[in-house]
Amino acid sequence: MQIDGDSITFTESHSENVPGKSPFTKEKLEKLKAQAEAGDVDAQYDLGIRYYSGDGLEQDYGKAIKWFLMAAEQDDAQAQFNLGIMYGRGEGIGKDVNTSMQWLKKAADQGHAEAVMMFFKSKRQEIAAGSS
């Protein structure tokens, strides 16, 4: 499976903590982390985005994966999709196509349009490669 860096972009955050909309202060970070640690799926996703992009925080793919994983385990389709992309690219973790496909399938099963396209495109390529 090939995941091109230019073809996929992460969507912005789920809540009012939208990156780039207002200065991200230490107080806002502490509040967001407290919400995320308390299980708030939107806050978990938002921290994942901030760590992935380096918006208001130092870019850290490992921490992005941590927060996306927490949100994905609560069935957040966008977080599942993002994990699929990160595993497919090997961002913050070793490249793992099988794990990438598992996360993309979870997102696709929830109707995430890009995940559906990527999952089935990959399956078609897999079938074509097996028949040649």
Protein backbone atom coordinates (compact mmCIF):
# COMPACT_ATOMS: atom_id res chain seq x y z
CA MET A 1 0.00 0.00 0.00
CA GLN A 2 1.37 3.41 -0.95
CA ILE A 3 0.31 6.45 1.03
CA ASP A 4 1.50 9.64 -0.58
CA GLY A 5 2.30 12.59 1.65
CA ASP A 6 0.61 15.12 -0.61
CA SER A 7 -2.64 13.23 -1.14
CA ILE A 8 -3.84 13.04 2.47
CA THR A 9 -4.41 15.88 4.88
CA PHE A 10 -5.69 15.68 8.41
CA THR A 11 -8.92 17.46 9.20
CA GLU A 12 -8.95 20.17 11.78
CA SER A 13 -9.93 19.57 15.35
CA HIS A 14 -13.37 18.50 16.51
CA SER A 15 -13.99 21.17 19.15
CA GLU A 16 -13.55 24.83 19.90
CA ASN A 17 -9.81 24.21 20.35
CA VAL A 18 -9.26 24.64 16.62
CA PRO A 19 -5.58 25.00 15.69
CA GLY A 20 -4.68 28.39 14.27
CA LYS A 21 -7.86 30.13 15.47
CA SER A 22 -6.48 31.73 18.63
CA PRO A 23 -3.20 31.79 20.53
CA PHE A 24 -2.57 28.47 22.22
CA THR A 25 -1.50 29.30 25.74
CA LYS A 26 -0.08 27.05 28.43
CA GLU A 27 -3.42 27.37 30.26
CA LYS A 28 -5.33 26.17 27.18
CA LEU A 29 -2.91 23.26 26.80
CA GLU A 30 -3.38 22.21 30.44
CA LYS A 31 -7.16 22.42 30.10
CA LEU A 32 -7.11 20.42 26.85
CA LYS A 33 -4.83 17.76 28.37
CA ALA A 34 -7.08 17.47 31.44
CA GLN A 35 -10.13 17.01 29.21
CA ALA A 36 -8.29 14.43 27.08
CA GLU A 37 -7.06 12.50 30.10
CA ALA A 38 -10.64 12.50 31.45
CA GLY A 39 -11.72 10.69 28.28
CA ASP A 40 -13.03 13.56 26.14
CA VAL A 41 -12.72 12.18 22.63
CA ASP A 42 -12.70 15.62 20.99
CA ALA A 43 -9.88 16.80 23.25
CA GLN A 44 -7.92 13.59 22.53
CA TYR A 45 -8.33 14.15 18.80
CA ASP A 46 -7.39 17.83 19.12
CA LEU A 47 -4.18 16.98 20.98
CA GLY A 48 -3.37 14.42 18.29
CA ILE A 49 -3.76 17.08 15.61
CA ARG A 50 -1.66 19.59 17.52
CA TYR A 51 1.16 17.10 18.10
CA TYR A 52 0.96 15.90 14.49
CA SER A 53 1.13 19.36 12.98
CA GLY A 54 3.21 21.11 15.63
CA ASP A 55 0.48 23.73 16.08
CA GLY A 56 1.05 25.30 19.49
CA LEU A 57 3.20 22.35 20.58
CA GLU A 58 6.45 20.81 19.46
CA GLN A 59 5.70 18.35 16.65
CA ASP A 60 5.80 14.82 18.05
CA TYR A 61 4.36 11.96 15.97
CA GLY A 62 4.67 9.55 18.88
CA LYS A 63 2.42 11.73 21.06
CA ALA A 64 0.07 12.27 18.11
CA ILE A 65 -0.32 8.50 17.83
CA LYS A 66 -0.99 8.22 21.58
CA TRP A 67 -3.85 10.72 21.45
CA PHE A 68 -5.27 9.49 18.12
CA LEU A 69 -5.23 5.96 19.54
CA MET A 70 -7.24 7.03 22.58
CA ALA A 71 -9.80 8.75 20.36
CA ALA A 72 -9.85 5.87 17.86
CA GLU A 73 -10.58 3.39 20.62
CA GLN A 74 -13.70 5.46 21.33
CA ASP A 75 -14.74 4.93 17.69
CA ASP A 76 -13.69 8.31 16.35
CA ALA A 77 -13.56 7.59 12.62
CA GLN A 78 -11.22 10.48 11.78
CA ALA A 79 -8.73 9.37 14.44
CA GLN A 80 -8.93 5.82 13.08
CA PHE A 81 -8.25 7.14 9.59
CA ASN A 82 -5.31 9.24 10.82
CA LEU A 83 -3.80 6.20 12.53
CA GLY A 84 -4.20 4.22 9.32
CA ILE A 85 -2.29 6.91 7.46
CA MET A 86 0.43 7.22 10.09
CA TYR A 87 1.00 3.46 10.27
CA GLY A 88 1.01 3.29 6.48
CA ARG A 89 3.64 6.03 6.26
CA GLY A 90 5.62 4.93 9.30
CA GLU A 91 5.18 8.30 11.02
CA GLY A 92 6.07 8.09 14.69
CA ILE A 93 6.08 4.31 14.57
CA GLY A 94 7.48 1.61 12.34
CA LYS A 95 5.67 1.28 9.03
CA ASP A 96 3.04 -1.45 9.41
CA VAL A 97 0.75 -2.04 6.46
CA ASN A 98 -1.41 -4.61 8.27
CA THR A 99 -2.12 -2.27 11.19
CA SER A 100 -2.67 0.57 8.73
CA MET A 101 -5.30 -1.50 6.92
CA GLN A 102 -7.00 -2.45 10.20
CA TRP A 103 -7.44 1.20 11.18
CA LEU A 104 -8.54 2.21 7.68
CA LYS A 105 -11.12 -0.58 7.70
CA LYS A 106 -12.49 0.56 11.07
CA ALA A 107 -12.85 4.10 9.73
CA ALA A 108 -14.35 2.80 6.46
CA ASP A 109 -16.86 0.68 8.37
CA GLN A 110 -18.10 3.93 9.92
CA GLY A 111 -18.51 5.52 6.50
CA HIS A 112 -15.35 7.65 6.44
CA ALA A 113 -15.22 8.41 2.70
CA GLU A 114 -11.44 8.68 2.26
CA ALA A 115 -10.90 5.52 4.30
CA VAL A 116 -13.42 3.64 2.15
CA MET A 117 -11.61 4.71 -1.02
CA MET A 118 -8.15 3.90 0.31
CA PHE A 119 -9.17 0.57 1.82
CA PHE A 120 -10.84 -0.72 -1.32
CA LYS A 121 -8.13 0.65 -3.62
CA SER A 122 -5.57 -1.24 -1.57
CA LYS A 123 -7.68 -4.42 -1.67
CA ARG A 124 -7.97 -4.15 -5.47
CA GLN A 125 -4.19 -3.77 -5.73
CA GLU A 126 -3.70 -6.76 -3.45
CA ILE A 127 -6.03 -8.89 -5.57
CA ALA A 128 -4.38 -7.73 -8.81
CA ALA A 129 -0.91 -8.49 -7.42
CA GLY A 130 -2.03 -11.98 -6.39
CA SER A 131 -3.43 -12.80 -9.82
CA SER A 132 -0.37 -11.79 -11.82
